[in-house]
Amino acid sequence: MPKRHNSYAAGGNANWGIGANGLTAAGQSELLKDLGRQLQHSYQSILKDPAPDRIRQLLERLERAHHREGNENH
């Protein structure tokens, strides 16, 4: 079976775009909101699943470190 070229791995995606350069700031904002809605709809079942224990533990450690850092700066 022939190998398929993966342009992302080779950094060949420099010319890739979604054609949003000509949009106003409001248009870009709407585009991003729509993209977010589409992604949320596509991954809705995954978003409802609880995080695996290891990920949850890492998030808790990060949150504790963030709180400690905030307390040290005050």
PDB file of N, CA and C in Angstrom:
ATOM      1  N   MET A   1       0.846  -1.167   0.000  1.00  0.00           N
ATOM      2  CA  MET A   1       0.000   0.000   0.000  1.00  0.00           C
ATOM      3  C   MET A   1       0.897   1.238   0.000  1.00  0.00           C
ATOM      4  N   PRO A   2       0.658   2.207  -0.890  1.00  0.00           N
ATOM      5  CA  PRO A   2       1.513   3.396  -0.930  1.00  0.00           C
ATOM      6  C   PRO A   2       1.309   4.269   0.289  1.00  0.00           C
ATOM      7  N   LYS A   3       2.401   4.924   0.692  1.00  0.00           N
ATOM      8  CA  LYS A   3       2.323   5.831   1.836  1.00  0.00           C
ATOM      9  C   LYS A   3       1.631   7.112   1.402  1.00  0.00           C
ATOM     10  N   ARG A   4       0.837   7.661   2.310  1.00  0.00           N
ATOM     11  CA  ARG A   4       0.166   8.925   2.044  1.00  0.00           C
ATOM     12  C   ARG A   4       0.981  10.046   2.666  1.00  0.00           C
ATOM     13  N   HIS A   5       1.103  11.121   1.939  1.00  0.00           N
ATOM     14  CA  HIS A   5       1.849  12.276   2.431  1.00  0.00           C
ATOM     15  C   HIS A   5       0.997  13.022   3.446  1.00  0.00           C
ATOM     16  N   ASN A   6       1.555  13.279   4.603  1.00  0.00           N
ATOM     17  CA  ASN A   6       0.864  14.041   5.636  1.00  0.00           C
ATOM     18  C   ASN A   6       1.493  15.425   5.682  1.00  0.00           C
ATOM     19  N   SER A   7       0.828  16.410   5.083  1.00  0.00           N
ATOM     20  CA  SER A   7       1.411  17.744   5.002  1.00  0.00           C
ATOM     21  C   SER A   7       1.549  18.388   6.375  1.00  0.00           C
ATOM     22  N   TYR A   8       0.716  17.991   7.336  1.00  0.00           N
ATOM     23  CA  TYR A   8       0.814  18.573   8.673  1.00  0.00           C
ATOM     24  C   TYR A   8       2.111  18.152   9.358  1.00  0.00           C
ATOM     25  N   ALA A   9       2.473  16.899   9.215  1.00  0.00           N
ATOM     26  CA  ALA A   9       3.686  16.402   9.849  1.00  0.00           C
ATOM     27  C   ALA A   9       4.924  17.071   9.254  1.00  0.00           C
ATOM     28  N   ALA A  10       4.853  17.408   7.979  1.00  0.00           N
ATOM     29  CA  ALA A  10       6.005  18.008   7.316  1.00  0.00           C
ATOM     30  C   ALA A  10       6.007  19.526   7.424  1.00  0.00           C
ATOM     31  N   GLY A  11       5.012  20.080   8.097  1.00  0.00           N
ATOM     32  CA  GLY A  11       4.926  21.532   8.211  1.00  0.00           C
ATOM     33  C   GLY A  11       4.452  22.166   6.915  1.00  0.00           C
ATOM     34  N   GLY A  12       3.822  21.401   6.052  1.00  0.00           N
ATOM     35  CA  GLY A  12       3.384  21.900   4.760  1.00  0.00           C
ATOM     36  C   GLY A  12       2.029  22.563   4.774  1.00  0.00           C
ATOM     37  N   ASN A  13       1.539  22.941   5.926  1.00  0.00           N
ATOM     38  CA  ASN A  13       0.213  23.549   5.992  1.00  0.00           C
ATOM     39  C   ASN A  13       0.289  25.073   6.049  1.00  0.00           C
ATOM     40  N   ALA A  14       1.413  25.665   5.659  1.00  0.00           N
ATOM     41  CA  ALA A  14       1.584  27.114   5.748  1.00  0.00           C
ATOM     42  C   ALA A  14       0.594  27.854   4.863  1.00  0.00           C
ATOM     43  N   ASN A  15       0.149  27.264   3.770  1.00  0.00           N
ATOM     44  CA  ASN A  15      -0.779  27.918   2.862  1.00  0.00           C
ATOM     45  C   ASN A  15      -2.233  27.569   3.153  1.00  0.00           C
ATOM     46  N   TRP A  16      -2.472  26.793   4.160  1.00  0.00           N
ATOM     47  CA  TRP A  16      -3.825  26.387   4.498  1.00  0.00           C
ATOM     48  C   TRP A  16      -4.558  27.531   5.181  1.00  0.00           C
ATOM     49  N   GLY A  17      -5.831  27.669   4.890  1.00  0.00           N
ATOM     50  CA  GLY A  17      -6.626  28.700   5.540  1.00  0.00           C
ATOM     51  C   GLY A  17      -8.102  28.413   5.358  1.00  0.00           C
ATOM     52  N   ILE A  18      -8.914  29.171   6.057  1.00  0.00           N
ATOM     53  CA  ILE A  18     -10.360  28.997   5.938  1.00  0.00           C
ATOM     54  C   ILE A  18     -10.989  30.160   5.205  1.00  0.00           C
ATOM     55  N   GLY A  19     -10.175  31.026   4.632  1.00  0.00           N
ATOM     56  CA  GLY A  19     -10.681  32.140   3.861  1.00  0.00           C
ATOM     57  C   GLY A  19     -11.302  33.232   4.710  1.00  0.00           C
ATOM     58  N   ALA A  20     -10.829  33.389   5.943  1.00  0.00           N
ATOM     59  CA  ALA A  20     -11.404  34.368   6.851  1.00  0.00           C
ATOM     60  C   ALA A  20     -10.649  35.687   6.858  1.00  0.00           C
ATOM     61  N   ASN A  21      -9.584  35.796   6.069  1.00  0.00           N
ATOM     62  CA  ASN A  21      -8.775  37.010   6.103  1.00  0.00           C
ATOM     63  C   ASN A  21      -9.542  38.240   5.664  1.00  0.00           C
ATOM     64  N   GLY A  22     -10.518  38.083   4.770  1.00  0.00           N
ATOM     65  CA  GLY A  22     -11.274  39.222   4.283  1.00  0.00           C
ATOM     66  C   GLY A  22     -12.461  39.582   5.155  1.00  0.00           C
ATOM     67  N   LEU A  23     -12.676  38.856   6.245  1.00  0.00           N
ATOM     68  CA  LEU A  23     -13.816  39.117   7.114  1.00  0.00           C
ATOM     69  C   LEU A  23     -13.534  40.273   8.069  1.00  0.00           C
ATOM     70  N   THR A  24     -14.594  40.958   8.443  1.00  0.00           N
ATOM     71  CA  THR A  24     -14.473  41.979   9.486  1.00  0.00           C
ATOM     72  C   THR A  24     -14.251  41.278  10.815  1.00  0.00           C
ATOM     73  N   ALA A  25     -13.931  42.044  11.846  1.00  0.00           N
ATOM     74  CA  ALA A  25     -13.749  41.466  13.181  1.00  0.00           C
ATOM     75  C   ALA A  25     -15.030  40.772  13.628  1.00  0.00           C
ATOM     76  N   ALA A  26     -16.186  41.387  13.347  1.00  0.00           N
ATOM     77  CA  ALA A  26     -17.471  40.773  13.725  1.00  0.00           C
ATOM     78  C   ALA A  26     -17.693  39.482  12.943  1.00  0.00           C
ATOM     79  N   GLY A  27     -17.314  39.481  11.674  1.00  0.00           N
ATOM     80  CA  GLY A  27     -17.461  38.275  10.853  1.00  0.00           C
ATOM     81  C   GLY A  27     -16.567  37.156  11.339  1.00  0.00           C
ATOM     82  N   GLN A  28     -15.331  37.503  11.707  1.00  0.00           N
ATOM     83  CA  GLN A  28     -14.416  36.496  12.238  1.00  0.00           C
ATOM     84  C   GLN A  28     -14.944  35.942  13.554  1.00  0.00           C
ATOM     85  N   SER A  29     -15.497  36.813  14.389  1.00  0.00           N
ATOM     86  CA  SER A  29     -16.059  36.376  15.664  1.00  0.00           C
ATOM     87  C   SER A  29     -17.206  35.398  15.427  1.00  0.00           C
ATOM     88  N   GLU A  30     -18.083  35.715  14.483  1.00  0.00           N
ATOM     89  CA  GLU A  30     -19.201  34.814  14.168  1.00  0.00           C
ATOM     90  C   GLU A  30     -18.709  33.491  13.619  1.00  0.00           C
ATOM     91  N   LEU A  31     -17.676  33.544  12.780  1.00  0.00           N
ATOM     92  CA  LEU A  31     -17.102  32.325  12.219  1.00  0.00           C
ATOM     93  C   LEU A  31     -16.566  31.434  13.333  1.00  0.00           C
ATOM     94  N   LEU A  32     -15.847  32.029  14.280  1.00  0.00           N
ATOM     95  CA  LEU A  32     -15.294  31.249  15.395  1.00  0.00           C
ATOM     96  C   LEU A  32     -16.389  30.695  16.288  1.00  0.00           C
ATOM     97  N   LYS A  33     -17.440  31.478  16.530  1.00  0.00           N
ATOM     98  CA  LYS A  33     -18.568  30.989  17.335  1.00  0.00           C
ATOM     99  C   LYS A  33     -19.233  29.808  16.644  1.00  0.00           C
ATOM    100  N   ASP A  34     -19.428  29.920  15.332  1.00  0.00           N
ATOM    101  CA  ASP A  34     -20.058  28.832  14.584  1.00  0.00           C
ATOM    102  C   ASP A  34     -19.187  27.589  14.611  1.00  0.00           C
ATOM    103  N   LEU A  35     -17.888  27.767  14.440  1.00  0.00           N
ATOM    104  CA  LEU A  35     -16.960  26.639  14.514  1.00  0.00           C
ATOM    105  C   LEU A  35     -17.035  25.972  15.883  1.00  0.00           C
ATOM    106  N   GLY A  36     -17.079  26.779  16.942  1.00  0.00           N
ATOM    107  CA  GLY A  36     -17.202  26.242  18.297  1.00  0.00           C
ATOM    108  C   GLY A  36     -18.482  25.450  18.481  1.00  0.00           C
ATOM    109  N   ARG A  37     -19.586  25.976  17.950  1.00  0.00           N
ATOM    110  CA  ARG A  37     -20.864  25.257  18.054  1.00  0.00           C
ATOM    111  C   ARG A  37     -20.802  23.931  17.322  1.00  0.00           C
ATOM    112  N   GLN A  38     -20.207  23.940  16.130  1.00  0.00           N
ATOM    113  CA  GLN A  38     -20.098  22.702  15.358  1.00  0.00           C
ATOM    114  C   GLN A  38     -19.232  21.667  16.068  1.00  0.00           C
ATOM    115  N   LEU A  39     -18.108  22.118  16.629  1.00  0.00           N
ATOM    116  CA  LEU A  39     -17.239  21.192  17.365  1.00  0.00           C
ATOM    117  C   LEU A  39     -17.935  20.647  18.597  1.00  0.00           C
ATOM    118  N   GLN A  40     -18.639  21.519  19.321  1.00  0.00           N
ATOM    119  CA  GLN A  40     -19.354  21.080  20.514  1.00  0.00           C
ATOM    120  C   GLN A  40     -20.415  20.055  20.147  1.00  0.00           C
ATOM    121  N   HIS A  41     -21.123  20.285  19.052  1.00  0.00           N
ATOM    122  CA  HIS A  41     -22.146  19.330  18.618  1.00  0.00           C
ATOM    123  C   HIS A  41     -21.503  17.993  18.238  1.00  0.00           C
ATOM    124  N   SER A  42     -20.378  18.060  17.517  1.00  0.00           N
ATOM    125  CA  SER A  42     -19.711  16.841  17.064  1.00  0.00           C
ATOM    126  C   SER A  42     -19.158  16.017  18.226  1.00  0.00           C
ATOM    127  N   TYR A  43     -18.693  16.690  19.274  1.00  0.00           N
ATOM    128  CA  TYR A  43     -18.035  16.001  20.384  1.00  0.00           C
ATOM    129  C   TYR A  43     -18.879  16.016  21.655  1.00  0.00           C
ATOM    130  N   GLN A  44     -20.181  16.234  21.521  1.00  0.00           N
ATOM    131  CA  GLN A  44     -21.069  16.359  22.670  1.00  0.00           C
ATOM    132  C   GLN A  44     -21.006  15.142  23.591  1.00  0.00           C
ATOM    133  N   SER A  45     -20.998  13.955  23.028  1.00  0.00           N
ATOM    134  CA  SER A  45     -20.974  12.751  23.866  1.00  0.00           C
ATOM    135  C   SER A  45     -19.661  12.649  24.643  1.00  0.00           C
ATOM    136  N   ILE A  46     -18.567  13.064  24.030  1.00  0.00           N
ATOM    137  CA  ILE A  46     -17.272  13.019  24.707  1.00  0.00           C
ATOM    138  C   ILE A  46     -17.231  14.038  25.836  1.00  0.00           C
ATOM    139  N   LEU A  47     -17.828  15.218  25.600  1.00  0.00           N
ATOM    140  CA  LEU A  47     -17.829  16.266  26.611  1.00  0.00           C
ATOM    141  C   LEU A  47     -18.618  15.857  27.850  1.00  0.00           C
ATOM    142  N   LYS A  48     -19.600  14.974  27.688  1.00  0.00           N
ATOM    143  CA  LYS A  48     -20.418  14.538  28.822  1.00  0.00           C
ATOM    144  C   LYS A  48     -19.718  13.463  29.656  1.00  0.00           C
ATOM    145  N   ASP A  49     -18.791  12.749  29.042  1.00  0.00           N
ATOM    146  CA  ASP A  49     -18.075  11.692  29.765  1.00  0.00           C
ATOM    147  C   ASP A  49     -17.154  12.306  30.807  1.00  0.00           C
ATOM    148  N   PRO A  50     -17.042  11.677  31.966  1.00  0.00           N
ATOM    149  CA  PRO A  50     -16.099  12.188  32.969  1.00  0.00           C
ATOM    150  C   PRO A  50     -14.664  12.002  32.475  1.00  0.00           C
ATOM    151  N   ALA A  51     -13.807  12.895  32.905  1.00  0.00           N
ATOM    152  CA  ALA A  51     -12.394  12.804  32.530  1.00  0.00           C
ATOM    153  C   ALA A  51     -11.790  11.564  33.178  1.00  0.00           C
ATOM    154  N   PRO A  52     -10.854  10.922  32.499  1.00  0.00           N
ATOM    155  CA  PRO A  52     -10.171   9.781  33.112  1.00  0.00           C
ATOM    156  C   PRO A  52      -9.475  10.229  34.405  1.00  0.00           C
ATOM    157  N   ASP A  53      -9.325   9.294  35.337  1.00  0.00           N
ATOM    158  CA  ASP A  53      -8.729   9.610  36.645  1.00  0.00           C
ATOM    159  C   ASP A  53      -7.392  10.332  36.523  1.00  0.00           C
ATOM    160  N   ARG A  54      -6.525   9.886  35.636  1.00  0.00           N
ATOM    161  CA  ARG A  54      -5.200  10.488  35.510  1.00  0.00           C
ATOM    162  C   ARG A  54      -5.309  11.958  35.057  1.00  0.00           C
ATOM    163  N   ILE A  55      -6.193  12.239  34.123  1.00  0.00           N
ATOM    164  CA  ILE A  55      -6.388  13.613  33.653  1.00  0.00           C
ATOM    165  C   ILE A  55      -6.974  14.462  34.773  1.00  0.00           C
ATOM    166  N   ARG A  56      -7.936  13.913  35.500  1.00  0.00           N
ATOM    167  CA  ARG A  56      -8.563  14.645  36.607  1.00  0.00           C
ATOM    168  C   ARG A  56      -7.523  14.984  37.675  1.00  0.00           C
ATOM    169  N   GLN A  57      -6.645  14.029  37.987  1.00  0.00           N
ATOM    170  CA  GLN A  57      -5.592  14.270  38.980  1.00  0.00           C
ATOM    171  C   GLN A  57      -4.628  15.360  38.513  1.00  0.00           C
ATOM    172  N   LEU A  58      -4.265  15.333  37.234  1.00  0.00           N
ATOM    173  CA  LEU A  58      -3.372  16.363  36.704  1.00  0.00           C
ATOM    174  C   LEU A  58      -4.031  17.742  36.745  1.00  0.00           C
ATOM    175  N   LEU A  59      -5.317  17.806  36.433  1.00  0.00           N
ATOM    176  CA  LEU A  59      -6.035  19.076  36.495  1.00  0.00           C
ATOM    177  C   LEU A  59      -6.109  19.603  37.922  1.00  0.00           C
ATOM    178  N   GLU A  60      -6.323  18.705  38.890  1.00  0.00           N
ATOM    179  CA  GLU A  60      -6.367  19.115  40.293  1.00  0.00           C
ATOM    180  C   GLU A  60      -5.011  19.658  40.741  1.00  0.00           C
ATOM    181  N   ARG A  61      -3.920  19.008  40.315  1.00  0.00           N
ATOM    182  CA  ARG A  61      -2.571  19.494  40.658  1.00  0.00           C
ATOM    183  C   ARG A  61      -2.321  20.869  40.050  1.00  0.00           C
ATOM    184  N   LEU A  62      -2.744  21.036  38.811  1.00  0.00           N
ATOM    185  CA  LEU A  62      -2.573  22.321  38.143  1.00  0.00           C
ATOM    186  C   LEU A  62      -3.364  23.415  38.852  1.00  0.00           C
ATOM    187  N   GLU A  63      -4.575  23.097  39.255  1.00  0.00           N
ATOM    188  CA  GLU A  63      -5.403  24.073  39.963  1.00  0.00           C
ATOM    189  C   GLU A  63      -4.784  24.443  41.310  1.00  0.00           C
ATOM    190  N   ARG A  64      -4.276  23.442  42.048  1.00  0.00           N
ATOM    191  CA  ARG A  64      -3.625  23.737  43.332  1.00  0.00           C
ATOM    192  C   ARG A  64      -2.398  24.621  43.136  1.00  0.00           C
ATOM    193  N   ALA A  65      -1.604  24.324  42.113  1.00  0.00           N
ATOM    194  CA  ALA A  65      -0.408  25.124  41.840  1.00  0.00           C
ATOM    195  C   ALA A  65      -0.800  26.543  41.452  1.00  0.00           C
ATOM    196  N   HIS A  66      -1.864  26.687  40.714  1.00  0.00           N
ATOM    197  CA  HIS A  66      -2.339  28.013  40.312  1.00  0.00           C
ATOM    198  C   HIS A  66      -2.792  28.811  41.534  1.00  0.00           C
ATOM    199  N   HIS A  67      -3.496  28.151  42.446  1.00  0.00           N
ATOM    200  CA  HIS A  67      -3.950  28.844  43.671  1.00  0.00           C
ATOM    201  C   HIS A  67      -2.753  29.245  44.547  1.00  0.00           C
ATOM    202  N   ARG A  68      -1.765  28.363  44.658  1.00  0.00           N
ATOM    203  CA  ARG A  68      -0.563  28.694  45.441  1.00  0.00           C
ATOM    204  C   ARG A  68       0.159  29.890  44.823  1.00  0.00           C
ATOM    205  N   GLU A  69       0.272  29.885  43.520  1.00  0.00           N
ATOM    206  CA  GLU A  69       0.941  30.992  42.828  1.00  0.00           C
ATOM    207  C   GLU A  69       0.175  32.296  43.035  1.00  0.00           C
ATOM    208  N   GLY A  70      -1.132  32.227  42.989  1.00  0.00           N
ATOM    209  CA  GLY A  70      -1.955  33.417  43.222  1.00  0.00           C
ATOM    210  C   GLY A  70      -1.818  33.937  44.614  1.00  0.00           C
ATOM    211  N   ASN A  71      -1.722  33.062  45.613  1.00  0.00           N
ATOM    212  CA  ASN A  71      -1.575  33.463  47.001  1.00  0.00           C
ATOM    213  C   ASN A  71      -0.201  34.074  47.269  1.00  0.00           C
ATOM    214  N   GLU A  72       0.835  33.587  46.583  1.00  0.00           N
ATOM    215  CA  GLU A  72       2.184  34.111  46.767  1.00  0.00           C
ATOM    216  C   GLU A  72       2.326  35.514  46.176  1.00  0.00           C
ATOM    217  N   ASN A  73       1.542  35.835  45.168  1.00  0.00           N
ATOM    218  CA  ASN A  73       1.634  37.135  44.502  1.00  0.00           C
ATOM    219  C   ASN A  73       0.825  38.216  45.219  1.00  0.00           C
ATOM    220  N   HIS A  74       0.069  37.857  46.229  1.00  0.00           N
ATOM    221  CA  HIS A  74      -0.757  38.864  46.942  1.00  0.00           C
ATOM    222  C   HIS A  74      -0.148  39.254  48.244  1.00  0.00           C
TER     223      HIS A  74
END
